[in-house]
Amino acid sequence: MLEIKTITVSYEIATALWDVSLSVKEKDIVSIIGSNGAGKSTILKTISGVIHPIKGTISFQGKRIDHLQPHQIAMLGISHVPEGRKIFPHLSVIENLKMGALPLKDQKKEEEILAYVFDLFPILKERENQPGGTLSGGQQQMLAIGRGLMAAPKILLLDEPSLGLAPIIVDSVFDVIIRLNREGQTILLVEQNAYRSLEISNYGFVLETGRIVLEGETSKLIDDPHVKKAYLGG
């Protein structure tokens, strides 16, 4: 479904990714784990067109996308939920959600997805007219994920969805990710909580200083000595 082949990405004079290759199969959850600054978020930004690689290719459903702009990539069915939520604080919850539906251009479908998002996150329905900036951190993360779903994405890119959240809210976020996948949503997940991320994923990649150093089925990665020592506290 999504195929990245030997991309290299630079920020001015600093190289963030070196010859990175990875793939995501339809209806899978694929995780990317690694320490802060390893380049995990850069991979998602490059997929969604915020950054362009200086080398390599990115293809989605057989179409090259590494030269496209973010709005063009969104129209193809790739939705990016960025680290830090990036909601519109002065817009209401419902207005934030409808901003996510702009690539959809289908009023009936928009209403169906909105009902689905409110079913996933009932608190958003309760607070639909409340400014997004007045929500708690956990509620803002729910809003960010909900906004990402409003375009009916074929693949959802989630960047650190549990960052800074209370443990009980983290559980809720992971429950939603599991539910989305069970209902057919393909997900590429970047997450600082390595164990939880690998636990719910089909396949994983380990990124260190901009390079993929390990990959495999997550059941095997969880038992890998290097992964245990570096990321799982083992």
Foldseek 3Di string as FASTA:
>chain_A
DKWWFQFWFADVPRTQAGGDTDDFDFLFEEEEEEDPSLCPLVVVCQQQAVGATPDTFMDDPRHTPRPDHNLVSVLVFEFEQHPPLPFDQAAFLQVSLVVLQVSQPDVVLLVVLVVVLCVLPVVCVVRRRPGLNPDDPLVSLSSSVSSRCSNVGSEYEYAASCPPHDPVSSVSVLVSVLVCSVVGYHYYYYHLQVVSSLVSGQKYFYGGSNYTPDIDGSVVLCVDPVCCVPRVVD
